[in-house]
Amino acid sequence: KEREFVAAISWSGRTYYTDSVKGR
């Protein structure tokens, strides 16, 4: 499978998640 994005965080602490892992 292709490499996929999971989660990321900025220096200040802002976060983003792919839908499949949100809440977990």
PDB file of all heavy atoms in Angstrom:
ATOM      1  N   LYS A   1       0.824  -1.193   0.000  1.00  0.00           N
ATOM      2  CA  LYS A   1       0.000   0.000   0.000  1.00  0.00           C
ATOM      3  C   LYS A   1       0.866   1.253   0.000  1.00  0.00           C
ATOM      4  O   LYS A   1       2.040   1.215   0.354  1.00  0.00           O
ATOM      5  CB  LYS A   1      -0.937   0.015   1.212  1.00  0.00           C
ATOM      6  CG  LYS A   1      -1.953  -1.113   1.233  1.00  0.00           C
ATOM      7  CD  LYS A   1      -2.898  -0.970   2.405  1.00  0.00           C
ATOM      8  CE  LYS A   1      -3.946  -2.066   2.409  1.00  0.00           C
ATOM      9  NZ  LYS A   1      -4.888  -1.919   3.556  1.00  0.00           N
ATOM     10  N   GLU A   2       0.258   2.364  -0.404  1.00  0.00           N
ATOM     11  CA  GLU A   2       0.959   3.642  -0.399  1.00  0.00           C
ATOM     12  C   GLU A   2       1.099   4.171   1.018  1.00  0.00           C
ATOM     13  O   GLU A   2       0.302   3.865   1.900  1.00  0.00           O
ATOM     14  CB  GLU A   2       0.209   4.659  -1.261  1.00  0.00           C
ATOM     15  CG  GLU A   2       0.147   4.315  -2.734  1.00  0.00           C
ATOM     16  CD  GLU A   2      -0.565   5.377  -3.541  1.00  0.00           C
ATOM     17  OE1 GLU A   2      -1.114   6.318  -2.939  1.00  0.00           O
ATOM     18  OE2 GLU A   2      -0.566   5.273  -4.773  1.00  0.00           O
ATOM     19  N   ARG A   3       2.119   4.970   1.211  1.00  0.00           N
ATOM     20  CA  ARG A   3       2.293   5.631   2.492  1.00  0.00           C
ATOM     21  C   ARG A   3       1.165   6.637   2.703  1.00  0.00           C
ATOM     22  O   ARG A   3       0.844   7.415   1.808  1.00  0.00           O
ATOM     23  CB  ARG A   3       3.648   6.330   2.536  1.00  0.00           C
ATOM     24  CG  ARG A   3       4.024   6.874   3.896  1.00  0.00           C
ATOM     25  CD  ARG A   3       5.450   7.418   3.874  1.00  0.00           C
ATOM     26  NE  ARG A   3       6.405   6.400   3.487  1.00  0.00           N
ATOM     27  CZ  ARG A   3       7.709   6.612   3.355  1.00  0.00           C
ATOM     28  NH1 ARG A   3       8.212   7.817   3.579  1.00  0.00           N
ATOM     29  NH2 ARG A   3       8.503   5.618   2.990  1.00  0.00           N
ATOM     30  N   GLU A   4       0.562   6.629   3.884  1.00  0.00           N
ATOM     31  CA  GLU A   4      -0.562   7.499   4.147  1.00  0.00           C
ATOM     32  C   GLU A   4      -0.327   8.362   5.384  1.00  0.00           C
ATOM     33  O   GLU A   4       0.338   7.956   6.339  1.00  0.00           O
ATOM     34  CB  GLU A   4      -1.862   6.701   4.313  1.00  0.00           C
ATOM     35  CG  GLU A   4      -1.909   5.823   5.553  1.00  0.00           C
ATOM     36  CD  GLU A   4      -3.282   5.228   5.812  1.00  0.00           C
ATOM     37  OE1 GLU A   4      -4.278   5.748   5.260  1.00  0.00           O
ATOM     38  OE2 GLU A   4      -3.362   4.234   6.571  1.00  0.00           O
ATOM     39  N   PHE A   5      -0.910   9.533   5.349  1.00  0.00           N
ATOM     40  CA  PHE A   5      -0.839  10.465   6.461  1.00  0.00           C
ATOM     41  C   PHE A   5      -1.677   9.963   7.623  1.00  0.00           C
ATOM     42  O   PHE A   5      -2.776   9.446   7.432  1.00  0.00           O
ATOM     43  CB  PHE A   5      -1.330  11.838   6.011  1.00  0.00           C
ATOM     44  CG  PHE A   5      -1.483  12.831   7.124  1.00  0.00           C
ATOM     45  CD1 PHE A   5      -0.384  13.523   7.606  1.00  0.00           C
ATOM     46  CD2 PHE A   5      -2.720  13.076   7.689  1.00  0.00           C
ATOM     47  CE1 PHE A   5      -0.520  14.441   8.627  1.00  0.00           C
ATOM     48  CE2 PHE A   5      -2.870  13.993   8.707  1.00  0.00           C
ATOM     49  CZ  PHE A   5      -1.755  14.673   9.180  1.00  0.00           C
ATOM     50  N   VAL A   6      -1.161  10.131   8.840  1.00  0.00           N
ATOM     51  CA  VAL A   6      -1.877   9.733  10.041  1.00  0.00           C
ATOM     52  C   VAL A   6      -2.227  10.944  10.898  1.00  0.00           C
ATOM     53  O   VAL A   6      -3.392  11.184  11.211  1.00  0.00           O
ATOM     54  CB  VAL A   6      -1.064   8.727  10.880  1.00  0.00           C
ATOM     55  CG1 VAL A   6      -1.802   8.383  12.173  1.00  0.00           C
ATOM     56  CG2 VAL A   6      -0.783   7.469  10.077  1.00  0.00           C
ATOM     57  N   ALA A   7      -1.219  11.709  11.293  1.00  0.00           N
ATOM     58  CA  ALA A   7      -1.427  12.852  12.169  1.00  0.00           C
ATOM     59  C   ALA A   7      -0.239  13.787  12.065  1.00  0.00           C
ATOM     60  O   ALA A   7       0.848  13.390  11.660  1.00  0.00           O
ATOM     61  CB  ALA A   7      -1.620  12.398  13.625  1.00  0.00           C
ATOM     62  N   ALA A   8      -0.444  15.046  12.451  1.00  0.00           N
ATOM     63  CA  ALA A   8       0.640  16.020  12.451  1.00  0.00           C
ATOM     64  C   ALA A   8       0.387  17.073  13.517  1.00  0.00           C
ATOM     65  O   ALA A   8      -0.753  17.281  13.951  1.00  0.00           O
ATOM     66  CB  ALA A   8       0.793  16.679  11.083  1.00  0.00           C
ATOM     67  N   ILE A   9       1.458  17.743  13.920  1.00  0.00           N
ATOM     68  CA  ILE A   9       1.368  18.778  14.938  1.00  0.00           C
ATOM     69  C   ILE A   9       2.350  19.893  14.609  1.00  0.00           C
ATOM     70  O   ILE A   9       3.475  19.636  14.171  1.00  0.00           O
ATOM     71  CB  ILE A   9       1.627  18.184  16.346  1.00  0.00           C
ATOM     72  CG1 ILE A   9       1.410  19.238  17.430  1.00  0.00           C
ATOM     73  CG2 ILE A   9       3.024  17.570  16.427  1.00  0.00           C
ATOM     74  CD1 ILE A   9       1.390  18.662  18.834  1.00  0.00           C
ATOM     75  N   SER A  10       1.919  21.128  14.806  1.00  0.00           N
ATOM     76  CA  SER A  10       2.784  22.279  14.597  1.00  0.00           C
ATOM     77  C   SER A  10       3.588  22.560  15.854  1.00  0.00           C
ATOM     78  O   SER A  10       3.356  21.966  16.915  1.00  0.00           O
ATOM     79  CB  SER A  10       1.957  23.507  14.218  1.00  0.00           C
ATOM     80  OG  SER A  10       1.192  23.960  15.329  1.00  0.00           O
ATOM     81  N   TRP A  11       4.530  23.492  15.755  1.00  0.00           N
ATOM     82  CA  TRP A  11       5.346  23.853  16.909  1.00  0.00           C
ATOM     83  C   TRP A  11       4.481  24.382  18.050  1.00  0.00           C
ATOM     84  O   TRP A  11       4.770  24.115  19.221  1.00  0.00           O
ATOM     85  CB  TRP A  11       6.384  24.906  16.506  1.00  0.00           C
ATOM     86  CG  TRP A  11       7.402  25.181  17.575  1.00  0.00           C
ATOM     87  CD1 TRP A  11       8.617  24.576  17.724  1.00  0.00           C
ATOM     88  CD2 TRP A  11       7.291  26.137  18.639  1.00  0.00           C
ATOM     89  NE1 TRP A  11       9.274  25.097  18.822  1.00  0.00           N
ATOM     90  CE2 TRP A  11       8.487  26.059  19.406  1.00  0.00           C
ATOM     91  CE3 TRP A  11       6.311  27.051  19.024  1.00  0.00           C
ATOM     92  CZ2 TRP A  11       8.717  26.853  20.518  1.00  0.00           C
ATOM     93  CZ3 TRP A  11       6.535  27.839  20.144  1.00  0.00           C
ATOM     94  CH2 TRP A  11       7.720  27.741  20.875  1.00  0.00           C
ATOM     95  N   SER A  12       3.414  25.102  17.721  1.00  0.00           N
ATOM     96  CA  SER A  12       2.546  25.691  18.720  1.00  0.00           C
ATOM     97  C   SER A  12       1.512  24.725  19.279  1.00  0.00           C
ATOM     98  O   SER A  12       0.789  25.071  20.211  1.00  0.00           O
ATOM     99  CB  SER A  12       1.828  26.914  18.144  1.00  0.00           C
ATOM    100  OG  SER A  12       1.001  26.552  17.055  1.00  0.00           O
ATOM    101  N   GLY A  13       1.416  23.527  18.696  1.00  0.00           N
ATOM    102  CA  GLY A  13       0.521  22.529  19.229  1.00  0.00           C
ATOM    103  C   GLY A  13      -0.763  22.297  18.463  1.00  0.00           C
ATOM    104  O   GLY A  13      -1.617  21.529  18.935  1.00  0.00           O
ATOM    105  N   ARG A  14      -0.951  22.933  17.325  1.00  0.00           N
ATOM    106  CA  ARG A  14      -2.130  22.657  16.510  1.00  0.00           C
ATOM    107  C   ARG A  14      -1.991  21.275  15.887  1.00  0.00           C
ATOM    108  O   ARG A  14      -0.904  20.888  15.459  1.00  0.00           O
ATOM    109  CB  ARG A  14      -2.303  23.706  15.417  1.00  0.00           C
ATOM    110  CG  ARG A  14      -2.529  25.114  15.962  1.00  0.00           C
ATOM    111  CD  ARG A  14      -2.774  26.107  14.844  1.00  0.00           C
ATOM    112  NE  ARG A  14      -4.028  25.842  14.166  1.00  0.00           N
ATOM    113  CZ  ARG A  14      -5.206  26.327  14.564  1.00  0.00           C
ATOM    114  NH1 ARG A  14      -5.275  27.117  15.625  1.00  0.00           N
ATOM    115  NH2 ARG A  14      -6.303  26.037  13.879  1.00  0.00           N
ATOM    116  N   THR A  15      -3.090  20.535  15.852  1.00  0.00           N
ATOM    117  CA  THR A  15      -3.049  19.154  15.387  1.00  0.00           C
ATOM    118  C   THR A  15      -4.046  18.901  14.273  1.00  0.00           C
ATOM    119  O   THR A  15      -5.029  19.629  14.108  1.00  0.00           O
ATOM    120  CB  THR A  15      -3.337  18.185  16.538  1.00  0.00           C
ATOM    121  OG1 THR A  15      -4.641  18.460  17.077  1.00  0.00           O
ATOM    122  CG2 THR A  15      -2.296  18.318  17.635  1.00  0.00           C
ATOM    123  N   TYR A  16      -3.785  17.839  13.517  1.00  0.00           N
ATOM    124  CA  TYR A  16      -4.680  17.403  12.463  1.00  0.00           C
ATOM    125  C   TYR A  16      -4.548  15.898  12.330  1.00  0.00           C
ATOM    126  O   TYR A  16      -3.445  15.349  12.414  1.00  0.00           O
ATOM    127  CB  TYR A  16      -4.348  18.086  11.138  1.00  0.00           C
ATOM    128  CG  TYR A  16      -5.303  17.728  10.027  1.00  0.00           C
ATOM    129  CD1 TYR A  16      -6.562  18.315   9.971  1.00  0.00           C
ATOM    130  CD2 TYR A  16      -4.959  16.802   9.048  1.00  0.00           C
ATOM    131  CE1 TYR A  16      -7.452  17.985   8.966  1.00  0.00           C
ATOM    132  CE2 TYR A  16      -5.844  16.467   8.045  1.00  0.00           C
ATOM    133  CZ  TYR A  16      -7.095  17.064   8.009  1.00  0.00           C
ATOM    134  OH  TYR A  16      -7.969  16.735   7.011  1.00  0.00           O
ATOM    135  N   TYR A  17      -5.681  15.223  12.111  1.00  0.00           N
ATOM    136  CA  TYR A  17      -5.710  13.772  12.016  1.00  0.00           C
ATOM    137  C   TYR A  17      -6.461  13.316  10.786  1.00  0.00           C
ATOM    138  O   TYR A  17      -7.426  13.956  10.353  1.00  0.00           O
ATOM    139  CB  TYR A  17      -6.403  13.162  13.239  1.00  0.00           C
ATOM    140  CG  TYR A  17      -5.785  13.536  14.562  1.00  0.00           C
ATOM    141  CD1 TYR A  17      -6.200  14.664  15.254  1.00  0.00           C
ATOM    142  CD2 TYR A  17      -4.788  12.738  15.125  1.00  0.00           C
ATOM    143  CE1 TYR A  17      -5.636  15.001  16.475  1.00  0.00           C
ATOM    144  CE2 TYR A  17      -4.224  13.063  16.342  1.00  0.00           C
ATOM    145  CZ  TYR A  17      -4.649  14.195  17.012  1.00  0.00           C
ATOM    146  OH  TYR A  17      -4.091  14.523  18.226  1.00  0.00           O
ATOM    147  N   THR A  18      -6.052  12.188  10.245  1.00  0.00           N
ATOM    148  CA  THR A  18      -6.840  11.570   9.200  1.00  0.00           C
ATOM    149  C   THR A  18      -8.102  10.981   9.830  1.00  0.00           C
ATOM    150  O   THR A  18      -8.111  10.629  11.011  1.00  0.00           O
ATOM    151  CB  THR A  18      -6.025  10.486   8.468  1.00  0.00           C
ATOM    152  OG1 THR A  18      -6.717  10.079   7.287  1.00  0.00           O
ATOM    153  CG2 THR A  18      -5.787   9.285   9.355  1.00  0.00           C
ATOM    154  N   ASP A  19      -9.172  10.898   9.061  1.00  0.00           N
ATOM    155  CA  ASP A  19     -10.470  10.521   9.607  1.00  0.00           C
ATOM    156  C   ASP A  19     -10.460   9.162  10.304  1.00  0.00           C
ATOM    157  O   ASP A  19     -11.147   8.969  11.311  1.00  0.00           O
ATOM    158  CB  ASP A  19     -11.527  10.519   8.503  1.00  0.00           C
ATOM    159  CG  ASP A  19     -11.920  11.910   8.063  1.00  0.00           C
ATOM    160  OD1 ASP A  19     -11.651  12.872   8.799  1.00  0.00           O
ATOM    161  OD2 ASP A  19     -12.517  12.028   6.972  1.00  0.00           O
ATOM    162  N   SER A  20      -9.692   8.226   9.804  1.00  0.00           N
ATOM    163  CA  SER A  20      -9.725   6.869  10.332  1.00  0.00           C
ATOM    164  C   SER A  20      -9.161   6.741  11.747  1.00  0.00           C
ATOM    165  O   SER A  20      -9.393   5.727  12.408  1.00  0.00           O
ATOM    166  CB  SER A  20      -8.982   5.916   9.394  1.00  0.00           C
ATOM    167  OG  SER A  20      -7.613   6.255   9.303  1.00  0.00           O
ATOM    168  N   VAL A  21      -8.429   7.744  12.227  1.00  0.00           N
ATOM    169  CA  VAL A  21      -7.836   7.657  13.562  1.00  0.00           C
ATOM    170  C   VAL A  21      -8.386   8.697  14.527  1.00  0.00           C
ATOM    171  O   VAL A  21      -8.018   8.682  15.709  1.00  0.00           O
ATOM    172  CB  VAL A  21      -6.299   7.772  13.511  1.00  0.00           C
ATOM    173  CG1 VAL A  21      -5.723   6.755  12.535  1.00  0.00           C
ATOM    174  CG2 VAL A  21      -5.862   9.186  13.148  1.00  0.00           C
ATOM    175  N   LYS A  22      -9.263   9.568  14.068  1.00  0.00           N
ATOM    176  CA  LYS A  22      -9.827  10.597  14.937  1.00  0.00           C
ATOM    177  C   LYS A  22     -10.566   9.957  16.112  1.00  0.00           C
ATOM    178  O   LYS A  22     -11.340   9.030  15.943  1.00  0.00           O
ATOM    179  CB  LYS A  22     -10.777  11.502  14.158  1.00  0.00           C
ATOM    180  CG  LYS A  22     -10.088  12.458  13.213  1.00  0.00           C
ATOM    181  CD  LYS A  22     -11.090  13.349  12.493  1.00  0.00           C
ATOM    182  CE  LYS A  22     -10.393  14.326  11.575  1.00  0.00           C
ATOM    183  NZ  LYS A  22     -11.362  15.167  10.827  1.00  0.00           N
ATOM    184  N   GLY A  23     -10.298  10.472  17.302  1.00  0.00           N
ATOM    185  CA  GLY A  23     -10.906   9.939  18.506  1.00  0.00           C
ATOM    186  C   GLY A  23     -10.153   8.787  19.119  1.00  0.00           C
ATOM    187  O   GLY A  23     -10.451   8.390  20.250  1.00  0.00           O
ATOM    188  N   ARG A  24      -9.186   8.229  18.399  1.00  0.00           N
ATOM    189  CA  ARG A  24      -8.393   7.106  18.906  1.00  0.00           C
ATOM    190  C   ARG A  24      -6.928   7.463  19.108  1.00  0.00           C
ATOM    191  O   ARG A  24      -6.297   6.989  20.051  1.00  0.00           O
ATOM    192  CB  ARG A  24      -8.488   5.914  17.955  1.00  0.00           C
ATOM    193  CG  ARG A  24      -9.903   5.394  17.755  1.00  0.00           C
ATOM    194  CD  ARG A  24      -9.915   4.084  16.976  1.00  0.00           C
ATOM    195  NE  ARG A  24      -9.362   4.234  15.631  1.00  0.00           N
ATOM    196  CZ  ARG A  24      -8.305   3.575  15.181  1.00  0.00           C
ATOM    197  NH1 ARG A  24      -7.683   2.699  15.969  1.00  0.00           N
ATOM    198  NH2 ARG A  24      -7.876   3.759  13.938  1.00  0.00           N
TER     199      ARG A  24
END
